[in-house]
Amino acid sequence: MSWYEVVLSSEQLSEGVSEKIQSDFEALFVKAGTVPEMALFCDTFPVPQFSMYFSPVAVLHASDLISGYSGAACEKPNASEVTLLVGDENSAWDLLE
């Protein structure tokens, strides 16, 4: 299974799209039973673009959300360059090792 990335423009950021994705994902996370391997990360420093990263297990539960924002498969993000938005604080970082 792959990681997925949704890239947002500065216009989408100013419109609050990242907050909407985070809120929608959080609802899916709770509905799925707070699966430890399900996580959403974002760029810590959004330059030149802002990306949101969905763990492979998250893709199973949030595929409609991801496809709704034209998400695409990507490499696993670098742990030193992202912030955890939604996920189990104790296990989500292990997904990036």
Foldseek 3Di string as FASTA:
>chain_A
DFKKKFWDDPVCVVVVVVVVLLVVLQVLCVVVPQPQQWFKKWFPDQPPIIMIITGPVSCVRCVVSCVVRPMDGDHQDALVGIDTRDHDPVRHSVSRD
